[in-house]
Amino acid sequence: MAVTIKSEREIELMREAGKILAKTHNELEKALKPGMTTWDIDHLGEEIIRSYGCIPSFKNYCGYPASICVSVNNEVVHGIPSKKRVIQEGDIVSLDAGVIYKGYHSDAARTHGVGEISKEAKQLIEVTRQSFFEGIKYAKAGNHLNDISAAVQAYAEKFGYGVVRDLVGHGIGEHLHEDPEVPNFARRRKGIRLQAGMTLAVEPMINVGRPGVRWLDDEWTVVTEDGSLSAHYENTILVGEDGPEILSLLPSDEEKA
């Protein structure tokens, strides 16, 4: 699959998909509290997505059984919601979700603290989020993909954190996963040259400890190898001539950035 440049019509559809996904994340953040199960979060997320006439991107994608990936504490990504998994005060919870609006995808993730969380957890969440913004400063026509990747890594590693190598971001559009891969770490080669109209899902996955991860027996849930906390932050972005447009954040959210 080659890297696609989106038309103005496609960009408009992806803007709408992104806006609906941003609203979904905001609603889930408000609802998240101790005592909920991860299944409760998934059920609510799917209801919200469908209330906008959209389809959850993740439901049954490659066999994934839910609409929202709910990953807790040392779970990096792809946690499967369960009625048995209860959210506790002090947990950090990563929510990864996607929506399909008129055939076009948006993909975004957020990590939230539940109630009072440790200073260590709070810093991890903030650094992971900021590493995304450090990376996308380079998301403009003429730069190379590796400029984004290197900036994410450099920022996160300043804090001594491990940048996950086994999972990467991706292009997005008519398909949830399109070319190119978008690593959160520098590679030897510069990667493709960015062009206006490319749409990318940039998603730092950062561990307090080492970068290594492993897959659980459910073949979906990815956890840190050393048991340390992990955070995830992602948005769908549009590469522009002068810089990026974040498609999966509302203007009010961008003001907090």
Protein backbone atom coordinates (compact mmCIF):
# COMPACT_ATOMS: atom_id res chain seq x y z
CA MET A 1 0.00 0.00 0.00
CA ALA A 2 1.50 3.33 -1.03
CA VAL A 3 1.30 6.52 1.05
CA THR A 4 -1.83 8.41 -0.03
CA ILE A 5 -2.33 12.15 -0.34
CA LYS A 6 -5.86 12.99 0.72
CA SER A 7 -8.20 15.16 -1.35
CA GLU A 8 -10.04 18.11 0.24
CA ARG A 9 -13.22 16.00 0.38
CA GLU A 10 -11.39 13.18 2.17
CA ILE A 11 -9.83 15.63 4.60
CA GLU A 12 -13.25 17.05 5.44
CA LEU A 13 -14.58 13.57 6.21
CA MET A 14 -11.53 12.84 8.37
CA ARG A 15 -12.00 16.15 10.20
CA GLU A 16 -15.53 15.09 11.08
CA ALA A 17 -14.36 11.61 12.15
CA GLY A 18 -11.70 13.25 14.32
CA LYS A 19 -14.14 15.67 15.91
CA ILE A 20 -16.51 12.83 16.87
CA LEU A 21 -13.61 10.81 18.28
CA ALA A 22 -12.42 13.80 20.34
CA LYS A 23 -15.92 14.18 21.80
CA THR A 24 -15.99 10.46 22.59
CA HIS A 25 -12.69 10.69 24.47
CA ASN A 26 -13.91 13.72 26.43
CA GLU A 27 -17.05 11.87 27.48
CA LEU A 28 -15.07 8.81 28.52
CA GLU A 29 -12.68 10.93 30.58
CA LYS A 30 -15.61 12.48 32.46
CA ALA A 31 -17.12 9.03 33.13
CA LEU A 32 -13.93 7.28 34.25
CA LYS A 33 -13.99 6.57 38.00
CA PRO A 34 -13.02 3.94 40.57
CA GLY A 35 -15.38 0.98 40.68
CA MET A 36 -16.09 0.91 36.94
CA THR A 37 -15.09 -2.16 35.01
CA THR A 38 -13.10 -1.91 31.81
CA TRP A 39 -16.16 -3.46 30.14
CA ASP A 40 -18.28 -0.49 31.36
CA ILE A 41 -15.86 1.89 29.62
CA ASP A 42 -16.00 -0.08 26.38
CA HIS A 43 -19.80 -0.30 26.46
CA LEU A 44 -20.15 3.45 27.02
CA GLY A 45 -17.58 4.25 24.32
CA GLU A 46 -19.37 2.15 21.73
CA GLU A 47 -22.71 3.75 22.63
CA ILE A 48 -21.24 7.24 22.18
CA ILE A 49 -19.60 6.41 18.84
CA ARG A 50 -22.78 4.86 17.45
CA SER A 51 -24.89 7.79 18.72
CA TYR A 52 -23.08 9.93 16.12
CA GLY A 53 -23.94 7.47 13.36
CA CYS A 54 -20.36 6.17 13.29
CA ILE A 55 -18.86 2.69 13.48
CA PRO A 56 -16.15 1.81 16.02
CA SER A 57 -12.97 1.20 14.01
CA PHE A 58 -11.65 -1.46 16.38
CA LYS A 59 -14.74 -3.69 16.80
CA ASN A 60 -13.83 -7.04 15.23
CA TYR A 61 -10.74 -5.51 13.55
CA CYS A 62 -8.44 -8.51 12.97
CA GLY A 63 -10.59 -10.27 15.59
CA TYR A 64 -10.31 -7.66 18.36
CA PRO A 65 -13.50 -8.19 20.43
CA ALA A 66 -14.25 -4.64 21.63
CA SER A 67 -14.63 -1.00 20.55
CA ILE A 68 -12.26 0.64 23.05
CA CYS A 69 -8.83 -0.69 23.99
CA VAL A 70 -8.61 -0.25 27.77
CA SER A 71 -5.07 -0.71 29.14
CA VAL A 72 -4.33 -0.32 32.86
CA ASN A 73 -1.03 0.54 34.59
CA ASN A 74 1.67 -1.72 33.08
CA GLU A 75 -0.50 -2.56 30.05
CA VAL A 76 0.86 -0.64 27.08
CA VAL A 77 -1.91 -1.11 24.49
CA HIS A 78 -4.74 -3.37 23.29
CA GLY A 79 -6.12 -4.29 26.72
CA ILE A 80 -9.33 -6.28 26.23
CA PRO A 81 -12.27 -4.92 28.27
CA SER A 82 -13.63 -7.30 30.92
CA LYS A 83 -16.49 -7.30 33.43
CA LYS A 84 -14.00 -8.74 35.94
CA ARG A 85 -11.42 -5.95 35.65
CA VAL A 86 -12.34 -3.17 38.09
CA ILE A 87 -10.69 0.26 37.89
CA GLN A 88 -9.13 1.32 41.20
CA GLU A 89 -8.23 4.67 42.74
CA GLY A 90 -4.63 5.45 41.72
CA ASP A 91 -4.70 3.46 38.46
CA ILE A 92 -3.65 4.97 35.18
CA VAL A 93 -5.88 3.95 32.27
CA SER A 94 -5.06 4.25 28.58
CA LEU A 95 -8.05 4.47 26.26
CA ASP A 96 -7.44 3.91 22.56
CA ALA A 97 -10.35 4.29 20.15
CA GLY A 98 -11.19 4.85 16.51
CA VAL A 99 -14.27 5.85 14.55
CA ILE A 100 -15.36 5.35 10.97
CA TYR A 101 -17.33 8.27 9.54
CA LYS A 102 -18.62 7.80 5.97
CA GLY A 103 -15.82 5.37 5.23
CA TYR A 104 -12.93 7.32 6.80
CA HIS A 105 -11.11 6.55 10.04
CA SER A 106 -9.81 8.60 12.92
CA ASP A 107 -7.63 7.09 15.67
CA ALA A 108 -6.67 8.61 19.03
CA ALA A 109 -5.54 7.54 22.51
CA ARG A 110 -5.34 9.19 25.93
CA THR A 111 -3.98 8.06 29.29
CA HIS A 112 -5.86 9.25 32.40
CA GLY A 113 -5.16 9.07 36.10
CA VAL A 114 -8.03 7.75 38.23
CA GLY A 115 -8.45 9.81 41.40
CA GLU A 116 -5.19 10.55 43.22
CA ILE A 117 -2.22 9.10 41.34
CA SER A 118 1.49 9.04 42.15
CA LYS A 119 3.85 11.83 41.07
CA GLU A 120 5.67 9.28 38.95
CA ALA A 121 2.46 8.34 37.12
CA LYS A 122 1.46 11.97 36.64
CA GLN A 123 4.84 12.86 35.13
CA LEU A 124 4.73 9.85 32.80
CA ILE A 125 1.32 10.87 31.45
CA GLU A 126 2.43 14.48 30.93
CA VAL A 127 5.72 13.56 29.26
CA THR A 128 4.05 11.03 26.95
CA ARG A 129 1.52 13.65 25.87
CA GLN A 130 4.17 16.32 25.38
CA SER A 131 6.38 13.96 23.37
CA PHE A 132 3.57 13.81 20.81
CA PHE A 133 3.54 17.61 20.52
CA GLU A 134 7.35 17.72 20.30
CA GLY A 135 7.20 15.23 17.43
CA ILE A 136 4.49 16.86 15.38
CA LYS A 137 6.34 20.19 15.29
CA TYR A 138 8.13 18.54 12.36
CA ALA A 139 4.94 17.37 10.60
CA LYS A 140 5.16 19.75 7.68
CA ALA A 141 5.83 19.39 3.99
CA GLY A 142 9.51 19.01 3.14
CA ASN A 143 10.59 17.44 6.43
CA HIS A 144 11.25 13.74 6.76
CA LEU A 145 9.17 11.23 8.71
CA ASN A 146 12.22 10.46 10.85
CA ASP A 147 12.22 14.08 12.10
CA ILE A 148 8.94 13.36 13.92
CA SER A 149 10.19 10.03 15.28
CA ALA A 150 13.52 11.42 16.52
CA ALA A 151 11.85 14.32 18.32
CA VAL A 152 9.43 12.01 20.19
CA GLN A 153 12.31 9.80 21.32
CA ALA A 154 14.62 12.64 22.31
CA TYR A 155 11.99 14.27 24.52
CA ALA A 156 10.88 11.07 26.28
CA GLU A 157 14.41 9.83 26.88
CA LYS A 158 15.39 13.11 28.57
CA PHE A 159 13.30 11.82 31.49
CA GLY A 160 14.98 8.41 31.46
CA TYR A 161 11.91 6.69 30.03
CA GLY A 162 11.83 3.70 27.67
CA VAL A 163 10.34 4.32 24.22
CA VAL A 164 8.52 1.19 22.99
CA ARG A 165 10.10 -0.22 19.81
CA ASP A 166 7.74 -3.11 19.03
CA LEU A 167 4.73 -0.92 18.19
CA VAL A 168 4.53 2.15 15.97
CA GLY A 169 2.11 4.73 14.58
CA HIS A 170 0.80 4.60 11.04
CA GLY A 171 -0.85 6.28 8.11
CA ILE A 172 -4.65 6.42 8.23
CA GLY A 173 -7.59 7.20 5.95
CA GLU A 174 -9.96 4.79 4.21
CA HIS A 175 -8.07 2.10 6.14
CA LEU A 176 -7.28 2.16 9.85
CA HIS A 177 -3.67 1.21 9.15
CA GLU A 178 -2.04 2.60 6.01
CA ASP A 179 1.53 3.32 4.97
CA PRO A 180 3.82 4.72 6.28
CA GLU A 181 4.79 3.26 9.64
CA VAL A 182 5.44 6.12 12.11
CA PRO A 183 7.99 4.99 14.74
CA ASN A 184 8.44 6.86 18.02
CA PHE A 185 12.20 6.41 17.77
CA ALA A 186 14.85 7.50 15.27
CA ARG A 187 15.94 5.16 12.52
CA ARG A 188 19.17 5.34 10.55
CA ARG A 189 17.36 6.39 7.40
CA LYS A 190 15.44 9.62 7.16
CA GLY A 191 12.28 7.91 5.96
CA ILE A 192 9.91 9.40 3.42
CA ARG A 193 9.71 13.11 2.74
CA LEU A 194 6.45 14.50 4.12
CA GLN A 195 3.93 16.05 1.76
CA ALA A 196 0.88 18.21 2.44
CA GLY A 197 -2.25 16.07 2.52
CA MET A 198 -0.72 13.05 4.25
CA THR A 199 -2.70 11.86 7.28
CA LEU A 200 -0.86 10.10 10.10
CA ALA A 201 -1.65 8.57 13.48
CA VAL A 202 1.25 9.62 15.71
CA GLU A 203 1.19 7.68 18.97
CA PRO A 204 3.99 7.69 21.54
CA MET A 205 3.95 4.64 23.84
CA ILE A 206 6.31 5.36 26.73
CA ASN A 207 7.38 3.20 29.70
CA VAL A 208 8.73 4.37 33.05
CA GLY A 209 11.26 1.54 32.82
CA ARG A 210 12.85 -0.23 29.89
CA PRO A 211 11.35 -0.19 26.38
CA GLY A 212 10.77 -3.97 26.19
CA VAL A 213 7.22 -5.36 25.97
CA ARG A 214 5.55 -8.75 25.75
CA TRP A 215 2.18 -10.06 24.61
CA LEU A 216 -0.16 -11.84 27.04
CA ASP A 217 -1.81 -15.17 26.24
CA ASP A 218 -4.92 -13.43 24.90
CA GLU A 219 -2.61 -12.44 21.97
CA TRP A 220 -3.75 -8.80 22.20
CA THR A 221 -2.76 -7.22 25.49
CA VAL A 222 0.77 -5.80 25.41
CA VAL A 223 2.48 -5.23 28.78
CA THR A 224 5.83 -3.82 29.85
CA GLU A 225 8.43 -6.55 30.20
CA ASP A 226 9.68 -5.16 33.52
CA GLY A 227 6.22 -4.47 35.00
CA SER A 228 6.70 -0.69 34.97
CA LEU A 229 3.91 1.80 34.21
CA SER A 230 3.21 2.74 30.59
CA ALA A 231 1.32 5.63 28.96
CA HIS A 232 -0.05 6.17 25.46
CA TYR A 233 -1.04 9.37 23.67
CA GLU A 234 -2.21 9.54 20.07
CA ASN A 235 -3.92 11.81 17.58
CA THR A 236 -4.73 11.70 13.90
CA ILE A 237 -2.94 14.57 12.18
CA LEU A 238 -2.92 16.18 8.74
CA VAL A 239 0.48 17.22 7.38
CA GLY A 240 0.33 20.79 6.03
CA GLU A 241 2.65 23.09 4.10
CA ASP A 242 3.45 25.05 7.27
CA GLY A 243 2.72 22.52 10.00
CA PRO A 244 0.20 19.97 11.24
CA GLU A 245 -3.52 20.12 11.84
CA ILE A 246 -4.62 17.84 14.68
CA LEU A 247 -7.85 16.24 13.51
CA SER A 248 -8.78 14.40 16.72
CA LEU A 249 -8.62 17.28 19.20
CA LEU A 250 -11.33 19.89 19.72
CA PRO A 251 -10.21 23.57 19.70
CA SER A 252 -10.85 23.74 23.47
CA ASP A 253 -8.50 20.75 23.97
CA GLU A 254 -5.79 22.31 21.81
CA GLU A 255 -5.76 25.38 24.06
CA LYS A 256 -4.61 23.12 26.91
CA ALA A 257 -1.70 21.80 24.82
